[in-house]
Amino acid sequence: EDHWVPVILAAFGVGAILGNMAGG
């Protein structure tokens, strides 16, 4: 459902934060 989309987007954000720090 639509209301689950922000939750999955938050998972992308967690991955991005971890990836950003790992890249450095």
mmCIF file of all heavy atoms, coordinates in Angstrom:
data_MODEL
# 
_entry.id   MODEL 
# 
loop_
_atom_site.group_PDB 
_atom_site.id 
_atom_site.type_symbol 
_atom_site.label_atom_id 
_atom_site.label_alt_id 
_atom_site.label_comp_id 
_atom_site.label_asym_id 
_atom_site.label_entity_id 
_atom_site.label_seq_id 
_atom_site.pdbx_PDB_ins_code 
_atom_site.Cartn_x 
_atom_site.Cartn_y 
_atom_site.Cartn_z 
_atom_site.occupancy 
_atom_site.B_iso_or_equiv 
_atom_site.pdbx_formal_charge 
_atom_site.auth_seq_id 
_atom_site.auth_comp_id 
_atom_site.auth_asym_id 
_atom_site.auth_atom_id 
_atom_site.pdbx_PDB_model_num 
ATOM 1   N N   . GLU A 1 1  ? 0.839  -1.191 0.000  1.00 0.00 ? 1  GLU A N   1 
ATOM 2   C CA  . GLU A 1 1  ? 0.000  0.000  0.000  1.00 0.00 ? 1  GLU A CA  1 
ATOM 3   C C   . GLU A 1 1  ? 0.882  1.252  0.000  1.00 0.00 ? 1  GLU A C   1 
ATOM 4   O O   . GLU A 1 1  ? 2.071  1.195  0.339  1.00 0.00 ? 1  GLU A O   1 
ATOM 5   C CB  . GLU A 1 1  ? -0.893 0.009  1.249  1.00 0.00 ? 1  GLU A CB  1 
ATOM 6   C CG  . GLU A 1 1  ? -1.857 -1.178 1.331  1.00 0.00 ? 1  GLU A CG  1 
ATOM 7   C CD  . GLU A 1 1  ? -2.921 -1.141 0.259  1.00 0.00 ? 1  GLU A CD  1 
ATOM 8   O OE1 . GLU A 1 1  ? -3.238 -0.029 -0.218 1.00 0.00 ? 1  GLU A OE1 1 
ATOM 9   O OE2 . GLU A 1 1  ? -3.431 -2.224 -0.124 1.00 0.00 ? 1  GLU A OE2 1 
ATOM 10  N N   . ASP A 1 2  ? 0.281  2.386  -0.373 1.00 0.00 ? 2  ASP A N   1 
ATOM 11  C CA  . ASP A 1 2  ? 1.029  3.638  -0.478 1.00 0.00 ? 2  ASP A CA  1 
ATOM 12  C C   . ASP A 1 2  ? 1.789  3.980  0.801  1.00 0.00 ? 2  ASP A C   1 
ATOM 13  O O   . ASP A 1 2  ? 2.917  4.488  0.746  1.00 0.00 ? 2  ASP A O   1 
ATOM 14  C CB  . ASP A 1 2  ? 0.080  4.802  -0.821 1.00 0.00 ? 2  ASP A CB  1 
ATOM 15  C CG  . ASP A 1 2  ? -0.380 4.749  -2.266 1.00 0.00 ? 2  ASP A CG  1 
ATOM 16  O OD1 . ASP A 1 2  ? 0.033  3.833  -2.983 1.00 0.00 ? 2  ASP A OD1 1 
ATOM 17  O OD2 . ASP A 1 2  ? -1.162 5.627  -2.669 1.00 0.00 ? 2  ASP A OD2 1 
ATOM 18  N N   . HIS A 1 3  ? 1.155  3.735  1.951  1.00 0.00 ? 3  HIS A N   1 
ATOM 19  C CA  . HIS A 1 3  ? 1.764  4.181  3.209  1.00 0.00 ? 3  HIS A CA  1 
ATOM 20  C C   . HIS A 1 3  ? 3.019  3.389  3.572  1.00 0.00 ? 3  HIS A C   1 
ATOM 21  O O   . HIS A 1 3  ? 3.762  3.784  4.485  1.00 0.00 ? 3  HIS A O   1 
ATOM 22  C CB  . HIS A 1 3  ? 0.745  4.104  4.361  1.00 0.00 ? 3  HIS A CB  1 
ATOM 23  C CG  . HIS A 1 3  ? 0.229  2.706  4.633  1.00 0.00 ? 3  HIS A CG  1 
ATOM 24  N ND1 . HIS A 1 3  ? -0.884 2.201  4.004  1.00 0.00 ? 3  HIS A ND1 1 
ATOM 25  C CD2 . HIS A 1 3  ? 0.681  1.730  5.461  1.00 0.00 ? 3  HIS A CD2 1 
ATOM 26  C CE1 . HIS A 1 3  ? -1.108 0.963  4.434  1.00 0.00 ? 3  HIS A CE1 1 
ATOM 27  N NE2 . HIS A 1 3  ? -0.175 0.664  5.317  1.00 0.00 ? 3  HIS A NE2 1 
ATOM 28  N N   . TRP A 1 4  ? 3.288  2.280  2.875  1.00 0.00 ? 4  TRP A N   1 
ATOM 29  C CA  . TRP A 1 4  ? 4.512  1.526  3.121  1.00 0.00 ? 4  TRP A CA  1 
ATOM 30  C C   . TRP A 1 4  ? 5.705  2.068  2.337  1.00 0.00 ? 4  TRP A C   1 
ATOM 31  O O   . TRP A 1 4  ? 6.854  1.733  2.649  1.00 0.00 ? 4  TRP A O   1 
ATOM 32  C CB  . TRP A 1 4  ? 4.312  0.046  2.763  1.00 0.00 ? 4  TRP A CB  1 
ATOM 33  C CG  . TRP A 1 4  ? 3.563  -0.717 3.803  1.00 0.00 ? 4  TRP A CG  1 
ATOM 34  C CD1 . TRP A 1 4  ? 2.267  -1.133 3.750  1.00 0.00 ? 4  TRP A CD1 1 
ATOM 35  C CD2 . TRP A 1 4  ? 4.058  -1.146 5.069  1.00 0.00 ? 4  TRP A CD2 1 
ATOM 36  N NE1 . TRP A 1 4  ? 1.914  -1.786 4.898  1.00 0.00 ? 4  TRP A NE1 1 
ATOM 37  C CE2 . TRP A 1 4  ? 3.004  -1.809 5.734  1.00 0.00 ? 4  TRP A CE2 1 
ATOM 38  C CE3 . TRP A 1 4  ? 5.303  -1.023 5.722  1.00 0.00 ? 4  TRP A CE3 1 
ATOM 39  C CZ2 . TRP A 1 4  ? 3.148  -2.353 6.995  1.00 0.00 ? 4  TRP A CZ2 1 
ATOM 40  C CZ3 . TRP A 1 4  ? 5.443  -1.569 6.990  1.00 0.00 ? 4  TRP A CZ3 1 
ATOM 41  C CH2 . TRP A 1 4  ? 4.373  -2.225 7.606  1.00 0.00 ? 4  TRP A CH2 1 
ATOM 42  N N   . VAL A 1 5  ? 5.442  2.891  1.337  1.00 0.00 ? 5  VAL A N   1 
ATOM 43  C CA  . VAL A 1 5  ? 6.523  3.404  0.498  1.00 0.00 ? 5  VAL A CA  1 
ATOM 44  C C   . VAL A 1 5  ? 7.562  4.190  1.310  1.00 0.00 ? 5  VAL A C   1 
ATOM 45  O O   . VAL A 1 5  ? 8.766  3.964  1.162  1.00 0.00 ? 5  VAL A O   1 
ATOM 46  C CB  . VAL A 1 5  ? 5.968  4.255  -0.665 1.00 0.00 ? 5  VAL A CB  1 
ATOM 47  C CG1 . VAL A 1 5  ? 7.103  4.929  -1.443 1.00 0.00 ? 5  VAL A CG1 1 
ATOM 48  C CG2 . VAL A 1 5  ? 5.136  3.382  -1.605 1.00 0.00 ? 5  VAL A CG2 1 
ATOM 49  N N   . PRO A 1 6  ? 7.153  5.131  2.202  1.00 0.00 ? 6  PRO A N   1 
ATOM 50  C CA  . PRO A 1 6  ? 8.174  5.839  2.997  1.00 0.00 ? 6  PRO A CA  1 
ATOM 51  C C   . PRO A 1 6  ? 9.023  4.913  3.854  1.00 0.00 ? 6  PRO A C   1 
ATOM 52  O O   . PRO A 1 6  ? 10.198 5.191  4.100  1.00 0.00 ? 6  PRO A O   1 
ATOM 53  C CB  . PRO A 1 6  ? 7.341  6.798  3.862  1.00 0.00 ? 6  PRO A CB  1 
ATOM 54  C CG  . PRO A 1 6  ? 6.066  6.983  3.117  1.00 0.00 ? 6  PRO A CG  1 
ATOM 55  C CD  . PRO A 1 6  ? 5.803  5.665  2.459  1.00 0.00 ? 6  PRO A CD  1 
ATOM 56  N N   . VAL A 1 7  ? 8.447  3.795  4.308  1.00 0.00 ? 7  VAL A N   1 
ATOM 57  C CA  . VAL A 1 7  ? 9.194  2.848  5.144  1.00 0.00 ? 7  VAL A CA  1 
ATOM 58  C C   . VAL A 1 7  ? 10.322 2.199  4.339  1.00 0.00 ? 7  VAL A C   1 
ATOM 59  O O   . VAL A 1 7  ? 11.469 2.098  4.807  1.00 0.00 ? 7  VAL A O   1 
ATOM 60  C CB  . VAL A 1 7  ? 8.246  1.769  5.716  1.00 0.00 ? 7  VAL A CB  1 
ATOM 61  C CG1 . VAL A 1 7  ? 9.044  0.751  6.535  1.00 0.00 ? 7  VAL A CG1 1 
ATOM 62  C CG2 . VAL A 1 7  ? 7.161  2.414  6.566  1.00 0.00 ? 7  VAL A CG2 1 
ATOM 63  N N   . ILE A 1 8  ? 10.011 1.778  3.120  1.00 0.00 ? 8  ILE A N   1 
ATOM 64  C CA  . ILE A 1 8  ? 11.035 1.165  2.275  1.00 0.00 ? 8  ILE A CA  1 
ATOM 65  C C   . ILE A 1 8  ? 12.063 2.207  1.849  1.00 0.00 ? 8  ILE A C   1 
ATOM 66  O O   . ILE A 1 8  ? 13.271 1.906  1.746  1.00 0.00 ? 8  ILE A O   1 
ATOM 67  C CB  . ILE A 1 8  ? 10.393 0.495  1.042  1.00 0.00 ? 8  ILE A CB  1 
ATOM 68  C CG1 . ILE A 1 8  ? 9.352  -0.549 1.486  1.00 0.00 ? 8  ILE A CG1 1 
ATOM 69  C CG2 . ILE A 1 8  ? 11.454 -0.166 0.184  1.00 0.00 ? 8  ILE A CG2 1 
ATOM 70  C CD1 . ILE A 1 8  ? 9.916  -1.675 2.326  1.00 0.00 ? 8  ILE A CD1 1 
ATOM 71  N N   . LEU A 1 9  ? 11.605 3.441  1.614  1.00 0.00 ? 9  LEU A N   1 
ATOM 72  C CA  . LEU A 1 9  ? 12.543 4.513  1.278  1.00 0.00 ? 9  LEU A CA  1 
ATOM 73  C C   . LEU A 1 9  ? 13.514 4.765  2.430  1.00 0.00 ? 9  LEU A C   1 
ATOM 74  O O   . LEU A 1 9  ? 14.675 5.113  2.211  1.00 0.00 ? 9  LEU A O   1 
ATOM 75  C CB  . LEU A 1 9  ? 11.785 5.800  0.944  1.00 0.00 ? 9  LEU A CB  1 
ATOM 76  C CG  . LEU A 1 9  ? 10.998 5.795  -0.371 1.00 0.00 ? 9  LEU A CG  1 
ATOM 77  C CD1 . LEU A 1 9  ? 10.240 7.110  -0.527 1.00 0.00 ? 9  LEU A CD1 1 
ATOM 78  C CD2 . LEU A 1 9  ? 11.912 5.566  -1.559 1.00 0.00 ? 9  LEU A CD2 1 
ATOM 79  N N   . ALA A 1 10 ? 13.033 4.599  3.660  1.00 0.00 ? 10 ALA A N   1 
ATOM 80  C CA  . ALA A 1 10 ? 13.910 4.751  4.819  1.00 0.00 ? 10 ALA A CA  1 
ATOM 81  C C   . ALA A 1 10 ? 14.999 3.681  4.815  1.00 0.00 ? 10 ALA A C   1 
ATOM 82  O O   . ALA A 1 10 ? 16.144 3.934  5.204  1.00 0.00 ? 10 ALA A O   1 
ATOM 83  C CB  . ALA A 1 10 ? 13.101 4.690  6.115  1.00 0.00 ? 10 ALA A CB  1 
ATOM 84  N N   . ALA A 1 11 ? 14.658 2.471  4.349  1.00 0.00 ? 11 ALA A N   1 
ATOM 85  C CA  . ALA A 1 11 ? 15.666 1.413  4.237  1.00 0.00 ? 11 ALA A CA  1 
ATOM 86  C C   . ALA A 1 11 ? 16.752 1.815  3.235  1.00 0.00 ? 11 ALA A C   1 
ATOM 87  O O   . ALA A 1 11 ? 17.950 1.568  3.459  1.00 0.00 ? 11 ALA A O   1 
ATOM 88  C CB  . ALA A 1 11 ? 15.010 0.108  3.798  1.00 0.00 ? 11 ALA A CB  1 
ATOM 89  N N   . PHE A 1 12 ? 16.350 2.433  2.144  1.00 0.00 ? 12 PHE A N   1 
ATOM 90  C CA  . PHE A 1 12 ? 17.326 2.945  1.184  1.00 0.00 ? 12 PHE A CA  1 
ATOM 91  C C   . PHE A 1 12 ? 18.232 3.960  1.870  1.00 0.00 ? 12 PHE A C   1 
ATOM 92  O O   . PHE A 1 12 ? 19.449 3.969  1.657  1.00 0.00 ? 12 PHE A O   1 
ATOM 93  C CB  . PHE A 1 12 ? 16.603 3.592  -0.002 1.00 0.00 ? 12 PHE A CB  1 
ATOM 94  C CG  . PHE A 1 12 ? 17.520 4.119  -1.063 1.00 0.00 ? 12 PHE A CG  1 
ATOM 95  C CD1 . PHE A 1 12 ? 17.889 3.330  -2.141 1.00 0.00 ? 12 PHE A CD1 1 
ATOM 96  C CD2 . PHE A 1 12 ? 18.020 5.409  -0.998 1.00 0.00 ? 12 PHE A CD2 1 
ATOM 97  C CE1 . PHE A 1 12 ? 18.739 3.807  -3.121 1.00 0.00 ? 12 PHE A CE1 1 
ATOM 98  C CE2 . PHE A 1 12 ? 18.871 5.902  -1.970 1.00 0.00 ? 12 PHE A CE2 1 
ATOM 99  C CZ  . PHE A 1 12 ? 19.236 5.095  -3.041 1.00 0.00 ? 12 PHE A CZ  1 
ATOM 100 N N   . GLY A 1 13 ? 17.646 4.814  2.703  1.00 0.00 ? 13 GLY A N   1 
ATOM 101 C CA  . GLY A 1 13 ? 18.432 5.816  3.412  1.00 0.00 ? 13 GLY A CA  1 
ATOM 102 C C   . GLY A 1 13 ? 19.444 5.207  4.365  1.00 0.00 ? 13 GLY A C   1 
ATOM 103 O O   . GLY A 1 13 ? 20.576 5.684  4.473  1.00 0.00 ? 13 GLY A O   1 
ATOM 104 N N   . VAL A 1 14 ? 19.036 4.154  5.070  1.00 0.00 ? 14 VAL A N   1 
ATOM 105 C CA  . VAL A 1 14 ? 19.978 3.459  5.963  1.00 0.00 ? 14 VAL A CA  1 
ATOM 106 C C   . VAL A 1 14 ? 21.152 2.913  5.161  1.00 0.00 ? 14 VAL A C   1 
ATOM 107 O O   . VAL A 1 14 ? 22.327 3.060  5.535  1.00 0.00 ? 14 VAL A O   1 
ATOM 108 C CB  . VAL A 1 14 ? 19.266 2.327  6.730  1.00 0.00 ? 14 VAL A CB  1 
ATOM 109 C CG1 . VAL A 1 14 ? 20.280 1.481  7.491  1.00 0.00 ? 14 VAL A CG1 1 
ATOM 110 C CG2 . VAL A 1 14 ? 18.225 2.897  7.685  1.00 0.00 ? 14 VAL A CG2 1 
ATOM 111 N N   . GLY A 1 15 ? 20.838 2.290  4.038  1.00 0.00 ? 15 GLY A N   1 
ATOM 112 C CA  . GLY A 1 15 ? 21.896 1.766  3.186  1.00 0.00 ? 15 GLY A CA  1 
ATOM 113 C C   . GLY A 1 15 ? 22.812 2.851  2.668  1.00 0.00 ? 15 GLY A C   1 
ATOM 114 O O   . GLY A 1 15 ? 24.035 2.666  2.587  1.00 0.00 ? 15 GLY A O   1 
ATOM 115 N N   . ALA A 1 16 ? 22.228 4.008  2.331  1.00 0.00 ? 16 ALA A N   1 
ATOM 116 C CA  . ALA A 1 16 ? 23.028 5.124  1.813  1.00 0.00 ? 16 ALA A CA  1 
ATOM 117 C C   . ALA A 1 16 ? 23.985 5.663  2.874  1.00 0.00 ? 16 ALA A C   1 
ATOM 118 O O   . ALA A 1 16 ? 25.147 5.979  2.582  1.00 0.00 ? 16 ALA A O   1 
ATOM 119 C CB  . ALA A 1 16 ? 22.115 6.230  1.303  1.00 0.00 ? 16 ALA A CB  1 
ATOM 120 N N   . ILE A 1 17 ? 23.514 5.782  4.113  1.00 0.00 ? 17 ILE A N   1 
ATOM 121 C CA  . ILE A 1 17 ? 24.370 6.266  5.197  1.00 0.00 ? 17 ILE A CA  1 
ATOM 122 C C   . ILE A 1 17 ? 25.525 5.295  5.439  1.00 0.00 ? 17 ILE A C   1 
ATOM 123 O O   . ILE A 1 17 ? 26.691 5.695  5.544  1.00 0.00 ? 17 ILE A O   1 
ATOM 124 C CB  . ILE A 1 17 ? 23.553 6.469  6.484  1.00 0.00 ? 17 ILE A CB  1 
ATOM 125 C CG1 . ILE A 1 17 ? 22.615 7.672  6.324  1.00 0.00 ? 17 ILE A CG1 1 
ATOM 126 C CG2 . ILE A 1 17 ? 24.468 6.672  7.694  1.00 0.00 ? 17 ILE A CG2 1 
ATOM 127 C CD1 . ILE A 1 17 ? 21.694 7.894  7.496  1.00 0.00 ? 17 ILE A CD1 1 
ATOM 128 N N   . LEU A 1 18 ? 25.202 4.000  5.509  1.00 0.00 ? 18 LEU A N   1 
ATOM 129 C CA  . LEU A 1 18 ? 26.247 2.997  5.718  1.00 0.00 ? 18 LEU A CA  1 
ATOM 130 C C   . LEU A 1 18 ? 27.224 2.974  4.543  1.00 0.00 ? 18 LEU A C   1 
ATOM 131 O O   . LEU A 1 18 ? 28.448 2.885  4.730  1.00 0.00 ? 18 LEU A O   1 
ATOM 132 C CB  . LEU A 1 18 ? 25.609 1.616  5.904  1.00 0.00 ? 18 LEU A CB  1 
ATOM 133 C CG  . LEU A 1 18 ? 24.735 1.437  7.150  1.00 0.00 ? 18 LEU A CG  1 
ATOM 134 C CD1 . LEU A 1 18 ? 24.073 0.063  7.141  1.00 0.00 ? 18 LEU A CD1 1 
ATOM 135 C CD2 . LEU A 1 18 ? 25.554 1.629  8.421  1.00 0.00 ? 18 LEU A CD2 1 
ATOM 136 N N   . GLY A 1 19 ? 26.682 3.068  3.335  1.00 0.00 ? 19 GLY A N   1 
ATOM 137 C CA  . GLY A 1 19 ? 27.540 3.063  2.154  1.00 0.00 ? 19 GLY A CA  1 
ATOM 138 C C   . GLY A 1 19 ? 28.434 4.284  2.088  1.00 0.00 ? 19 GLY A C   1 
ATOM 139 O O   . GLY A 1 19 ? 29.611 4.184  1.724  1.00 0.00 ? 19 GLY A O   1 
ATOM 140 N N   . ASN A 1 20 ? 27.904 5.445  2.439  1.00 0.00 ? 20 ASN A N   1 
ATOM 141 C CA  . ASN A 1 20 ? 28.678 6.680  2.421  1.00 0.00 ? 20 ASN A CA  1 
ATOM 142 C C   . ASN A 1 20 ? 29.881 6.592  3.355  1.00 0.00 ? 20 ASN A C   1 
ATOM 143 O O   . ASN A 1 20 ? 31.009 6.924  2.975  1.00 0.00 ? 20 ASN A O   1 
ATOM 144 C CB  . ASN A 1 20 ? 27.776 7.850  2.816  1.00 0.00 ? 20 ASN A CB  1 
ATOM 145 C CG  . ASN A 1 20 ? 28.525 9.163  2.881  1.00 0.00 ? 20 ASN A CG  1 
ATOM 146 O OD1 . ASN A 1 20 ? 28.987 9.682  1.877  1.00 0.00 ? 20 ASN A OD1 1 
ATOM 147 N ND2 . ASN A 1 20 ? 28.663 9.692  4.092  1.00 0.00 ? 20 ASN A ND2 1 
ATOM 148 N N   . MET A 1 21 ? 29.647 6.127  4.576  1.00 0.00 ? 21 MET A N   1 
ATOM 149 C CA  . MET A 1 21 ? 30.741 6.002  5.533  1.00 0.00 ? 21 MET A CA  1 
ATOM 150 C C   . MET A 1 21 ? 31.718 4.906  5.102  1.00 0.00 ? 21 MET A C   1 
ATOM 151 O O   . MET A 1 21 ? 32.942 5.059  5.234  1.00 0.00 ? 21 MET A O   1 
ATOM 152 C CB  . MET A 1 21 ? 30.186 5.696  6.930  1.00 0.00 ? 21 MET A CB  1 
ATOM 153 C CG  . MET A 1 21 ? 29.255 6.775  7.474  1.00 0.00 ? 21 MET A CG  1 
ATOM 154 S SD  . MET A 1 21 ? 29.998 8.438  7.477  1.00 0.00 ? 21 MET A SD  1 
ATOM 155 C CE  . MET A 1 21 ? 31.309 8.222  8.682  1.00 0.00 ? 21 MET A CE  1 
ATOM 156 N N   . ALA A 1 22 ? 31.187 3.807  4.550  1.00 0.00 ? 22 ALA A N   1 
ATOM 157 C CA  . ALA A 1 22 ? 32.058 2.730  4.084  1.00 0.00 ? 22 ALA A CA  1 
ATOM 158 C C   . ALA A 1 22 ? 32.924 3.190  2.913  1.00 0.00 ? 22 ALA A C   1 
ATOM 159 O O   . ALA A 1 22 ? 34.101 2.809  2.812  1.00 0.00 ? 22 ALA A O   1 
ATOM 160 C CB  . ALA A 1 22 ? 31.223 1.513  3.669  1.00 0.00 ? 22 ALA A CB  1 
ATOM 161 N N   . GLY A 1 23 ? 32.361 4.020  2.041  1.00 0.00 ? 23 GLY A N   1 
ATOM 162 C CA  . GLY A 1 23 ? 33.123 4.518  0.899  1.00 0.00 ? 23 GLY A CA  1 
ATOM 163 C C   . GLY A 1 23 ? 34.313 5.353  1.326  1.00 0.00 ? 23 GLY A C   1 
ATOM 164 O O   . GLY A 1 23 ? 35.421 5.208  0.780  1.00 0.00 ? 23 GLY A O   1 
ATOM 165 N N   . GLY A 1 24 ? 34.109 6.232  2.311  1.00 0.00 ? 24 GLY A N   1 
ATOM 166 C CA  . GLY A 1 24 ? 35.222 7.017  2.831  1.00 0.00 ? 24 GLY A CA  1 
ATOM 167 C C   . GLY A 1 24 ? 36.271 6.145  3.489  1.00 0.00 ? 24 GLY A C   1 
ATOM 168 O O   . GLY A 1 24 ? 37.483 6.350  3.290  1.00 0.00 ? 24 GLY A O   1 
# 
